[in-house]
Amino acid sequence: MNSLTLKVDLDFEQLLKVVKQLSPSEKLKLNDAIWKEGMEIPTEHQEIVLDRIKKSKAYPERMLDWDQVADNII
């Protein structure tokens, strides 16, 4: 595995230009590395999502069609 140590001061736009030069597979690896680092979903948030899934299964008639909702937003 090749390794490289850099200390480069870049603003966000400069960093974005560098990242755009990466191959698609390199971008995926970078994305994985970024999101794996310190990303924990709080238990409270997990419970909220699980509760919403449970409610959507129990009351499917309450679910809205995304295309209709999007049309009303715009």
PDB file of N, CA and C in Angstrom:
ATOM      1  N   MET A   1       0.843  -1.185   0.000  1.00  0.00           N
ATOM      2  CA  MET A   1       0.000   0.000   0.000  1.00  0.00           C
ATOM      3  C   MET A   1       0.882   1.239   0.000  1.00  0.00           C
ATOM      4  N   ASN A   2       0.577   2.177  -0.834  1.00  0.00           N
ATOM      5  CA  ASN A   2       1.313   3.435  -0.877  1.00  0.00           C
ATOM      6  C   ASN A   2       0.816   4.344   0.226  1.00  0.00           C
ATOM      7  N   SER A   3       1.735   5.041   0.864  1.00  0.00           N
ATOM      8  CA  SER A   3       1.312   5.997   1.868  1.00  0.00           C
ATOM      9  C   SER A   3       1.978   7.333   1.596  1.00  0.00           C
ATOM     10  N   LEU A   4       1.314   8.370   2.037  1.00  0.00           N
ATOM     11  CA  LEU A   4       1.782   9.715   1.779  1.00  0.00           C
ATOM     12  C   LEU A   4       1.359  10.577   2.947  1.00  0.00           C
ATOM     13  N   THR A   5       2.273  11.341   3.481  1.00  0.00           N
ATOM     14  CA  THR A   5       1.955  12.241   4.573  1.00  0.00           C
ATOM     15  C   THR A   5       2.099  13.663   4.064  1.00  0.00           C
ATOM     16  N   LEU A   6       1.019  14.421   4.209  1.00  0.00           N
ATOM     17  CA  LEU A   6       1.012  15.803   3.740  1.00  0.00           C
ATOM     18  C   LEU A   6       0.493  16.724   4.828  1.00  0.00           C
ATOM     19  N   LYS A   7       0.992  17.927   4.842  1.00  0.00           N
ATOM     20  CA  LYS A   7       0.401  18.992   5.648  1.00  0.00           C
ATOM     21  C   LYS A   7       0.273  20.156   4.705  1.00  0.00           C
ATOM     22  N   VAL A   8      -0.933  20.353   4.195  1.00  0.00           N
ATOM     23  CA  VAL A   8      -1.174  21.391   3.205  1.00  0.00           C
ATOM     24  C   VAL A   8      -2.353  22.232   3.667  1.00  0.00           C
ATOM     25  N   ASP A   9      -2.175  23.523   3.694  1.00  0.00           N
ATOM     26  CA  ASP A   9      -3.268  24.424   4.050  1.00  0.00           C
ATOM     27  C   ASP A   9      -4.074  24.747   2.802  1.00  0.00           C
ATOM     28  N   LEU A  10      -5.305  24.278   2.775  1.00  0.00           N
ATOM     29  CA  LEU A  10      -6.197  24.528   1.646  1.00  0.00           C
ATOM     30  C   LEU A  10      -7.520  25.061   2.171  1.00  0.00           C
ATOM     31  N   ASP A  11      -8.130  25.966   1.417  1.00  0.00           N
ATOM     32  CA  ASP A  11      -9.500  26.320   1.765  1.00  0.00           C
ATOM     33  C   ASP A  11     -10.422  25.269   1.142  1.00  0.00           C
ATOM     34  N   PHE A  12     -11.676  25.344   1.419  1.00  0.00           N
ATOM     35  CA  PHE A  12     -12.615  24.314   0.972  1.00  0.00           C
ATOM     36  C   PHE A  12     -12.639  24.182  -0.542  1.00  0.00           C
ATOM     37  N   GLU A  13     -12.658  25.279  -1.252  1.00  0.00           N
ATOM     38  CA  GLU A  13     -12.713  25.233  -2.718  1.00  0.00           C
ATOM     39  C   GLU A  13     -11.471  24.562  -3.300  1.00  0.00           C
ATOM     40  N   GLN A  14     -10.332  24.847  -2.725  1.00  0.00           N
ATOM     41  CA  GLN A  14      -9.097  24.212  -3.196  1.00  0.00           C
ATOM     42  C   GLN A  14      -9.135  22.706  -2.935  1.00  0.00           C
ATOM     43  N   LEU A  15      -9.590  22.341  -1.761  1.00  0.00           N
ATOM     44  CA  LEU A  15      -9.711  20.920  -1.427  1.00  0.00           C
ATOM     45  C   LEU A  15     -10.672  20.225  -2.379  1.00  0.00           C
ATOM     46  N   LEU A  16     -11.778  20.878  -2.684  1.00  0.00           N
ATOM     47  CA  LEU A  16     -12.758  20.315  -3.605  1.00  0.00           C
ATOM     48  C   LEU A  16     -12.151  20.073  -4.985  1.00  0.00           C
ATOM     49  N   LYS A  17     -11.335  20.993  -5.456  1.00  0.00           N
ATOM     50  CA  LYS A  17     -10.669  20.819  -6.747  1.00  0.00           C
ATOM     51  C   LYS A  17      -9.758  19.595  -6.733  1.00  0.00           C
ATOM     52  N   VAL A  18      -9.057  19.386  -5.630  1.00  0.00           N
ATOM     53  CA  VAL A  18      -8.173  18.223  -5.505  1.00  0.00           C
ATOM     54  C   VAL A  18      -8.993  16.939  -5.505  1.00  0.00           C
ATOM     55  N   VAL A  19     -10.062  16.915  -4.741  1.00  0.00           N
ATOM     56  CA  VAL A  19     -10.900  15.711  -4.641  1.00  0.00           C
ATOM     57  C   VAL A  19     -11.529  15.372  -5.986  1.00  0.00           C
ATOM     58  N   LYS A  20     -11.898  16.370  -6.752  1.00  0.00           N
ATOM     59  CA  LYS A  20     -12.501  16.125  -8.067  1.00  0.00           C
ATOM     60  C   LYS A  20     -11.541  15.442  -9.028  1.00  0.00           C
ATOM     61  N   GLN A  21     -10.258  15.509  -8.740  1.00  0.00           N
ATOM     62  CA  GLN A  21      -9.267  14.865  -9.587  1.00  0.00           C
ATOM     63  C   GLN A  21      -9.138  13.371  -9.294  1.00  0.00           C
ATOM     64  N   LEU A  22      -9.708  12.920  -8.199  1.00  0.00           N
ATOM     65  CA  LEU A  22      -9.628  11.503  -7.835  1.00  0.00           C
ATOM     66  C   LEU A  22     -10.485  10.661  -8.769  1.00  0.00           C
ATOM     67  N   SER A  23     -10.110   9.410  -8.899  1.00  0.00           N
ATOM     68  CA  SER A  23     -10.921   8.471  -9.678  1.00  0.00           C
ATOM     69  C   SER A  23     -12.184   8.162  -8.882  1.00  0.00           C
ATOM     70  N   PRO A  24     -13.228   7.625  -9.519  1.00  0.00           N
ATOM     71  CA  PRO A  24     -14.435   7.268  -8.781  1.00  0.00           C
ATOM     72  C   PRO A  24     -14.162   6.315  -7.610  1.00  0.00           C
ATOM     73  N   SER A  25     -13.299   5.331  -7.811  1.00  0.00           N
ATOM     74  CA  SER A  25     -13.025   4.391  -6.713  1.00  0.00           C
ATOM     75  C   SER A  25     -12.277   5.085  -5.571  1.00  0.00           C
ATOM     76  N   GLU A  26     -11.393   6.023  -5.899  1.00  0.00           N
ATOM     77  CA  GLU A  26     -10.692   6.775  -4.857  1.00  0.00           C
ATOM     78  C   GLU A  26     -11.654   7.674  -4.086  1.00  0.00           C
ATOM     79  N   LYS A  27     -12.614   8.251  -4.803  1.00  0.00           N
ATOM     80  CA  LYS A  27     -13.622   9.084  -4.133  1.00  0.00           C
ATOM     81  C   LYS A  27     -14.455   8.259  -3.164  1.00  0.00           C
ATOM     82  N   LEU A  28     -14.796   7.035  -3.568  1.00  0.00           N
ATOM     83  CA  LEU A  28     -15.553   6.158  -2.672  1.00  0.00           C
ATOM     84  C   LEU A  28     -14.741   5.800  -1.438  1.00  0.00           C
ATOM     85  N   LYS A  29     -13.463   5.514  -1.624  1.00  0.00           N
ATOM     86  CA  LYS A  29     -12.596   5.207  -0.484  1.00  0.00           C
ATOM     87  C   LYS A  29     -12.493   6.402   0.458  1.00  0.00           C
ATOM     88  N   LEU A  30     -12.367   7.597  -0.112  1.00  0.00           N
ATOM     89  CA  LEU A  30     -12.297   8.803   0.697  1.00  0.00           C
ATOM     90  C   LEU A  30     -13.596   9.012   1.466  1.00  0.00           C
ATOM     91  N   ASN A  31     -14.710   8.816   0.776  1.00  0.00           N
ATOM     92  CA  ASN A  31     -16.009   8.948   1.423  1.00  0.00           C
ATOM     93  C   ASN A  31     -16.137   7.973   2.590  1.00  0.00           C
ATOM     94  N   ASP A  32     -15.764   6.731   2.370  1.00  0.00           N
ATOM     95  CA  ASP A  32     -15.818   5.726   3.440  1.00  0.00           C
ATOM     96  C   ASP A  32     -14.946   6.129   4.618  1.00  0.00           C
ATOM     97  N   ALA A  33     -13.746   6.608   4.330  1.00  0.00           N
ATOM     98  CA  ALA A  33     -12.829   7.005   5.396  1.00  0.00           C
ATOM     99  C   ALA A  33     -13.392   8.168   6.209  1.00  0.00           C
ATOM    100  N   ILE A  34     -14.001   9.116   5.537  1.00  0.00           N
ATOM    101  CA  ILE A  34     -14.559  10.286   6.230  1.00  0.00           C
ATOM    102  C   ILE A  34     -15.728   9.881   7.122  1.00  0.00           C
ATOM    103  N   TRP A  35     -16.652   9.093   6.583  1.00  0.00           N
ATOM    104  CA  TRP A  35     -17.867   8.783   7.330  1.00  0.00           C
ATOM    105  C   TRP A  35     -17.666   7.727   8.397  1.00  0.00           C
ATOM    106  N   LYS A  36     -16.623   6.921   8.289  1.00  0.00           N
ATOM    107  CA  LYS A  36     -16.360   5.916   9.326  1.00  0.00           C
ATOM    108  C   LYS A  36     -15.742   6.550  10.559  1.00  0.00           C
ATOM    109  N   GLU A  37     -15.101   7.658  10.375  1.00  0.00           N
ATOM    110  CA  GLU A  37     -14.377   8.290  11.462  1.00  0.00           C
ATOM    111  C   GLU A  37     -15.324   9.042  12.399  1.00  0.00           C
ATOM    112  N   GLY A  38     -15.510   8.496  13.567  1.00  0.00           N
ATOM    113  CA  GLY A  38     -16.269   9.182  14.598  1.00  0.00           C
ATOM    114  C   GLY A  38     -17.744   9.381  14.322  1.00  0.00           C
ATOM    115  N   MET A  39     -18.314   8.595  13.440  1.00  0.00           N
ATOM    116  CA  MET A  39     -19.729   8.765  13.130  1.00  0.00           C
ATOM    117  C   MET A  39     -20.555   7.756  13.924  1.00  0.00           C
ATOM    118  N   GLU A  40     -21.134   8.223  14.987  1.00  0.00           N
ATOM    119  CA  GLU A  40     -22.030   7.383  15.758  1.00  0.00           C
ATOM    120  C   GLU A  40     -23.393   8.061  15.786  1.00  0.00           C
ATOM    121  N   ILE A  41     -24.414   7.285  15.508  1.00  0.00           N
ATOM    122  CA  ILE A  41     -25.772   7.822  15.560  1.00  0.00           C
ATOM    123  C   ILE A  41     -26.251   7.672  16.995  1.00  0.00           C
ATOM    124  N   PRO A  42     -26.644   8.776  17.624  1.00  0.00           N
ATOM    125  CA  PRO A  42     -27.109   8.695  19.006  1.00  0.00           C
ATOM    126  C   PRO A  42     -28.301   7.742  19.133  1.00  0.00           C
ATOM    127  N   THR A  43     -28.359   7.051  20.245  1.00  0.00           N
ATOM    128  CA  THR A  43     -29.435   6.095  20.503  1.00  0.00           C
ATOM    129  C   THR A  43     -30.798   6.755  20.366  1.00  0.00           C
ATOM    130  N   GLU A  44     -30.924   7.986  20.833  1.00  0.00           N
ATOM    131  CA  GLU A  44     -32.205   8.693  20.754  1.00  0.00           C
ATOM    132  C   GLU A  44     -32.649   8.854  19.298  1.00  0.00           C
ATOM    133  N   HIS A  45     -31.704   9.139  18.421  1.00  0.00           N
ATOM    134  CA  HIS A  45     -32.033   9.300  17.001  1.00  0.00           C
ATOM    135  C   HIS A  45     -32.428   7.963  16.383  1.00  0.00           C
ATOM    136  N   GLN A  46     -31.717   6.920  16.758  1.00  0.00           N
ATOM    137  CA  GLN A  46     -32.060   5.590  16.267  1.00  0.00           C
ATOM    138  C   GLN A  46     -33.479   5.216  16.686  1.00  0.00           C
ATOM    139  N   GLU A  47     -33.822   5.519  17.934  1.00  0.00           N
ATOM    140  CA  GLU A  47     -35.159   5.205  18.440  1.00  0.00           C
ATOM    141  C   GLU A  47     -36.239   5.976  17.698  1.00  0.00           C
ATOM    142  N   ILE A  48     -35.969   7.228  17.376  1.00  0.00           N
ATOM    143  CA  ILE A  48     -36.927   8.039  16.622  1.00  0.00           C
ATOM    144  C   ILE A  48     -37.182   7.412  15.257  1.00  0.00           C
ATOM    145  N   VAL A  49     -36.119   7.024  14.561  1.00  0.00           N
ATOM    146  CA  VAL A  49     -36.257   6.423  13.232  1.00  0.00           C
ATOM    147  C   VAL A  49     -37.017   5.105  13.322  1.00  0.00           C
ATOM    148  N   LEU A  50     -36.650   4.262  14.281  1.00  0.00           N
ATOM    149  CA  LEU A  50     -37.339   2.970  14.434  1.00  0.00           C
ATOM    150  C   LEU A  50     -38.819   3.167  14.758  1.00  0.00           C
ATOM    151  N   ASP A  51     -39.125   4.180  15.578  1.00  0.00           N
ATOM    152  CA  ASP A  51     -40.520   4.479  15.902  1.00  0.00           C
ATOM    153  C   ASP A  51     -41.284   4.931  14.658  1.00  0.00           C
ATOM    154  N   ARG A  52     -40.665   5.747  13.833  1.00  0.00           N
ATOM    155  CA  ARG A  52     -41.312   6.219  12.608  1.00  0.00           C
ATOM    156  C   ARG A  52     -41.546   5.069  11.625  1.00  0.00           C
ATOM    157  N   ILE A  53     -40.598   4.154  11.542  1.00  0.00           N
ATOM    158  CA  ILE A  53     -40.776   2.987  10.671  1.00  0.00           C
ATOM    159  C   ILE A  53     -41.942   2.147  11.167  1.00  0.00           C
ATOM    160  N   LYS A  54     -41.987   1.937  12.470  1.00  0.00           N
ATOM    161  CA  LYS A  54     -43.073   1.151  13.072  1.00  0.00           C
ATOM    162  C   LYS A  54     -44.430   1.798  12.791  1.00  0.00           C
ATOM    163  N   LYS A  55     -44.524   3.107  12.957  1.00  0.00           N
ATOM    164  CA  LYS A  55     -45.778   3.816  12.702  1.00  0.00           C
ATOM    165  C   LYS A  55     -46.164   3.759  11.230  1.00  0.00           C
ATOM    166  N   SER A  56     -45.176   3.858  10.338  1.00  0.00           N
ATOM    167  CA  SER A  56     -45.493   3.817   8.909  1.00  0.00           C
ATOM    168  C   SER A  56     -46.032   2.448   8.501  1.00  0.00           C
ATOM    169  N   LYS A  57     -45.540   1.399   9.151  1.00  0.00           N
ATOM    170  CA  LYS A  57     -46.046   0.052   8.858  1.00  0.00           C
ATOM    171  C   LYS A  57     -47.426  -0.161   9.463  1.00  0.00           C
ATOM    172  N   ALA A  58     -47.662   0.427  10.620  1.00  0.00           N
ATOM    173  CA  ALA A  58     -48.960   0.266  11.288  1.00  0.00           C
ATOM    174  C   ALA A  58     -50.049   1.101  10.612  1.00  0.00           C
ATOM    175  N   TYR A  59     -49.698   2.248  10.062  1.00  0.00           N
ATOM    176  CA  TYR A  59     -50.663   3.153   9.447  1.00  0.00           C
ATOM    177  C   TYR A  59     -50.184   3.588   8.063  1.00  0.00           C
ATOM    178  N   PRO A  60     -50.108   2.671   7.110  1.00  0.00           N
ATOM    179  CA  PRO A  60     -49.581   3.025   5.784  1.00  0.00           C
ATOM    180  C   PRO A  60     -50.404   4.088   5.064  1.00  0.00           C
ATOM    181  N   GLU A  61     -51.657   4.227   5.419  1.00  0.00           N
ATOM    182  CA  GLU A  61     -52.509   5.228   4.763  1.00  0.00           C
ATOM    183  C   GLU A  61     -52.066   6.659   5.096  1.00  0.00           C
ATOM    184  N   ARG A  62     -51.287   6.821   6.137  1.00  0.00           N
ATOM    185  CA  ARG A  62     -50.790   8.147   6.519  1.00  0.00           C
ATOM    186  C   ARG A  62     -49.573   8.566   5.708  1.00  0.00           C
ATOM    187  N   MET A  63     -49.004   7.628   4.974  1.00  0.00           N
ATOM    188  CA  MET A  63     -47.793   7.915   4.206  1.00  0.00           C
ATOM    189  C   MET A  63     -48.152   8.790   3.001  1.00  0.00           C
ATOM    190  N   LEU A  64     -47.266   9.714   2.693  1.00  0.00           N
ATOM    191  CA  LEU A  64     -47.480  10.620   1.571  1.00  0.00           C
ATOM    192  C   LEU A  64     -46.594  10.199   0.399  1.00  0.00           C
ATOM    193  N   ASP A  65     -47.071  10.422  -0.790  1.00  0.00           N
ATOM    194  CA  ASP A  65     -46.298  10.157  -1.997  1.00  0.00           C
ATOM    195  C   ASP A  65     -45.278  11.277  -2.181  1.00  0.00           C
ATOM    196  N   TRP A  66     -44.010  10.918  -2.301  1.00  0.00           N
ATOM    197  CA  TRP A  66     -42.962  11.928  -2.383  1.00  0.00           C
ATOM    198  C   TRP A  66     -43.146  12.868  -3.562  1.00  0.00           C
ATOM    199  N   ASP A  67     -43.534  12.364  -4.712  1.00  0.00           N
ATOM    200  CA  ASP A  67     -43.691  13.220  -5.889  1.00  0.00           C
ATOM    201  C   ASP A  67     -44.762  14.286  -5.650  1.00  0.00           C
ATOM    202  N   GLN A  68     -45.852  13.906  -4.989  1.00  0.00           N
ATOM    203  CA  GLN A  68     -46.898  14.888  -4.676  1.00  0.00           C
ATOM    204  C   GLN A  68     -46.406  15.912  -3.676  1.00  0.00           C
ATOM    205  N   VAL A  69     -45.671  15.464  -2.674  1.00  0.00           N
ATOM    206  CA  VAL A  69     -45.131  16.392  -1.668  1.00  0.00           C
ATOM    207  C   VAL A  69     -44.161  17.355  -2.332  1.00  0.00           C
ATOM    208  N   ALA A  70     -43.269  16.826  -3.160  1.00  0.00           N
ATOM    209  CA  ALA A  70     -42.278  17.669  -3.834  1.00  0.00           C
ATOM    210  C   ALA A  70     -42.950  18.712  -4.716  1.00  0.00           C
ATOM    211  N   ASP A  71     -44.022  18.332  -5.388  1.00  0.00           N
ATOM    212  CA  ASP A  71     -44.735  19.293  -6.234  1.00  0.00           C
ATOM    213  C   ASP A  71     -45.312  20.438  -5.411  1.00  0.00           C
ATOM    214  N   ASN A  72     -45.751  20.135  -4.195  1.00  0.00           N
ATOM    215  CA  ASN A  72     -46.335  21.168  -3.330  1.00  0.00           C
ATOM    216  C   ASN A  72     -45.272  22.082  -2.705  1.00  0.00           C
ATOM    217  N   ILE A  73     -44.066  21.595  -2.602  1.00  0.00           N
ATOM    218  CA  ILE A  73     -42.989  22.377  -2.011  1.00  0.00           C
ATOM    219  C   ILE A  73     -42.495  23.433  -2.982  1.00  0.00           C
ATOM    220  N   ILE A  74     -42.419  23.060  -4.231  1.00  0.00           N
ATOM    221  CA  ILE A  74     -41.847  23.951  -5.258  1.00  0.00           C
ATOM    222  C   ILE A  74     -42.792  25.030  -5.667  1.00  0.00           C
TER     223      ILE A  74
END
